[in-house]
Amino acid sequence: MPLKRGKSQKTISGNIKELMKKPSKARSKGISTLAKKQGITRKEAQRRQAVAIALSSAGKALRKRKK
């Protein structure tokens, strides 16, 4: 499951969709740990991790939320 290269919104969205499919064993463990530490569901943890990986591979930063 190699990710597509590029910085466009279409490429990033495609990579997120690809990462949201069945995660590998190592990612699955990371998702569980993230969910427990942050007190969120596994699905939400998987989504956050997919977004972070896709943006990282595109060389873009994750936008911070305003408090």
C-alpha atoms as a PDB file:
ATOM      1  CA  MET A   1       0.000   0.000   0.000  1.00  0.00           C
ATOM      2  CA  PRO A   2       2.439   2.676  -1.101  1.00  0.00           C
ATOM      3  CA  LEU A   3       1.163   6.220  -0.739  1.00  0.00           C
ATOM      4  CA  LYS A   4       0.912   8.522  -3.718  1.00  0.00           C
ATOM      5  CA  ARG A   5       3.422  11.335  -3.974  1.00  0.00           C
ATOM      6  CA  GLY A   6       2.348  14.946  -4.202  1.00  0.00           C
ATOM      7  CA  LYS A   7       1.067  17.932  -2.288  1.00  0.00           C
ATOM      8  CA  SER A   8      -2.333  18.450  -3.910  1.00  0.00           C
ATOM      9  CA  GLN A   9      -5.552  18.102  -1.912  1.00  0.00           C
ATOM     10  CA  LYS A  10      -6.654  15.250  -4.205  1.00  0.00           C
ATOM     11  CA  THR A  11      -3.482  13.267  -3.500  1.00  0.00           C
ATOM     12  CA  ILE A  12      -3.679  13.847   0.261  1.00  0.00           C
ATOM     13  CA  SER A  13      -7.357  12.803   0.318  1.00  0.00           C
ATOM     14  CA  GLY A  14      -6.543   9.650  -1.647  1.00  0.00           C
ATOM     15  CA  ASN A  15      -3.766   8.778   0.777  1.00  0.00           C
ATOM     16  CA  ILE A  16      -6.083   9.286   3.759  1.00  0.00           C
ATOM     17  CA  LYS A  17      -8.671   6.971   2.180  1.00  0.00           C
ATOM     18  CA  GLU A  18      -5.966   4.370   1.558  1.00  0.00           C
ATOM     19  CA  LEU A  19      -4.758   4.611   5.163  1.00  0.00           C
ATOM     20  CA  MET A  20      -8.306   4.335   6.547  1.00  0.00           C
ATOM     21  CA  LYS A  21      -8.613   0.860   5.064  1.00  0.00           C
ATOM     22  CA  LYS A  22      -7.535  -2.101   7.200  1.00  0.00           C
ATOM     23  CA  PRO A  23      -4.391  -0.976   9.085  1.00  0.00           C
ATOM     24  CA  SER A  24      -1.271  -3.106   9.363  1.00  0.00           C
ATOM     25  CA  LYS A  25      -0.500  -4.929  12.597  1.00  0.00           C
ATOM     26  CA  ALA A  26       1.987  -2.283  13.762  1.00  0.00           C
ATOM     27  CA  ARG A  27      -0.376   0.612  12.969  1.00  0.00           C
ATOM     28  CA  SER A  28      -3.218  -1.216  14.688  1.00  0.00           C
ATOM     29  CA  LYS A  29      -1.242  -1.346  17.922  1.00  0.00           C
ATOM     30  CA  GLY A  30      -0.355   2.344  17.597  1.00  0.00           C
ATOM     31  CA  ILE A  31      -4.016   3.195  17.028  1.00  0.00           C
ATOM     32  CA  SER A  32      -5.016   1.315  20.191  1.00  0.00           C
ATOM     33  CA  THR A  33      -2.375   3.113  22.241  1.00  0.00           C
ATOM     34  CA  LEU A  34      -3.379   6.519  20.856  1.00  0.00           C
ATOM     35  CA  ALA A  35      -7.050   5.857  21.585  1.00  0.00           C
ATOM     36  CA  LYS A  36      -6.337   4.854  25.184  1.00  0.00           C
ATOM     37  CA  LYS A  37      -4.019   7.790  25.895  1.00  0.00           C
ATOM     38  CA  GLN A  38      -6.337  10.414  24.434  1.00  0.00           C
ATOM     39  CA  GLY A  39      -9.594   8.833  25.568  1.00  0.00           C
ATOM     40  CA  ILE A  40     -11.087   8.625  22.069  1.00  0.00           C
ATOM     41  CA  THR A  41     -12.558   5.833  19.971  1.00  0.00           C
ATOM     42  CA  ARG A  42     -10.347   3.580  17.856  1.00  0.00           C
ATOM     43  CA  LYS A  43     -12.006   4.916  14.685  1.00  0.00           C
ATOM     44  CA  GLU A  44     -11.207   8.521  15.629  1.00  0.00           C
ATOM     45  CA  ALA A  45      -7.628   7.552  16.527  1.00  0.00           C
ATOM     46  CA  GLN A  46      -7.270   5.791  13.152  1.00  0.00           C
ATOM     47  CA  ARG A  47      -8.584   8.901  11.369  1.00  0.00           C
ATOM     48  CA  ARG A  48      -6.187  11.220  13.205  1.00  0.00           C
ATOM     49  CA  GLN A  49      -3.250   8.944  12.502  1.00  0.00           C
ATOM     50  CA  ALA A  50      -4.176   8.651   8.805  1.00  0.00           C
ATOM     51  CA  VAL A  51      -4.360  12.435   8.449  1.00  0.00           C
ATOM     52  CA  ALA A  52      -1.005  12.893  10.198  1.00  0.00           C
ATOM     53  CA  ILE A  53       0.731  10.289   7.994  1.00  0.00           C
ATOM     54  CA  ALA A  54      -0.778  11.669   4.774  1.00  0.00           C
ATOM     55  CA  LEU A  55       0.188  15.263   5.580  1.00  0.00           C
ATOM     56  CA  SER A  56       3.646  14.198   6.667  1.00  0.00           C
ATOM     57  CA  SER A  57       4.264  12.331   3.414  1.00  0.00           C
ATOM     58  CA  ALA A  58       3.094  15.423   1.492  1.00  0.00           C
ATOM     59  CA  GLY A  59       5.450  17.658   3.472  1.00  0.00           C
ATOM     60  CA  LYS A  60       2.643  19.758   4.917  1.00  0.00           C
ATOM     61  CA  ALA A  61       1.938  20.656   8.535  1.00  0.00           C
ATOM     62  CA  LEU A  62      -1.201  19.789  10.455  1.00  0.00           C
ATOM     63  CA  ARG A  63      -3.231  22.908  11.211  1.00  0.00           C
ATOM     64  CA  LYS A  64      -3.628  23.607  14.899  1.00  0.00           C
ATOM     65  CA  ARG A  65      -7.099  24.231  16.271  1.00  0.00           C
ATOM     66  CA  LYS A  66      -7.907  27.522  17.942  1.00  0.00           C
ATOM     67  CA  LYS A  67      -8.822  27.221  21.596  1.00  0.00           C
END
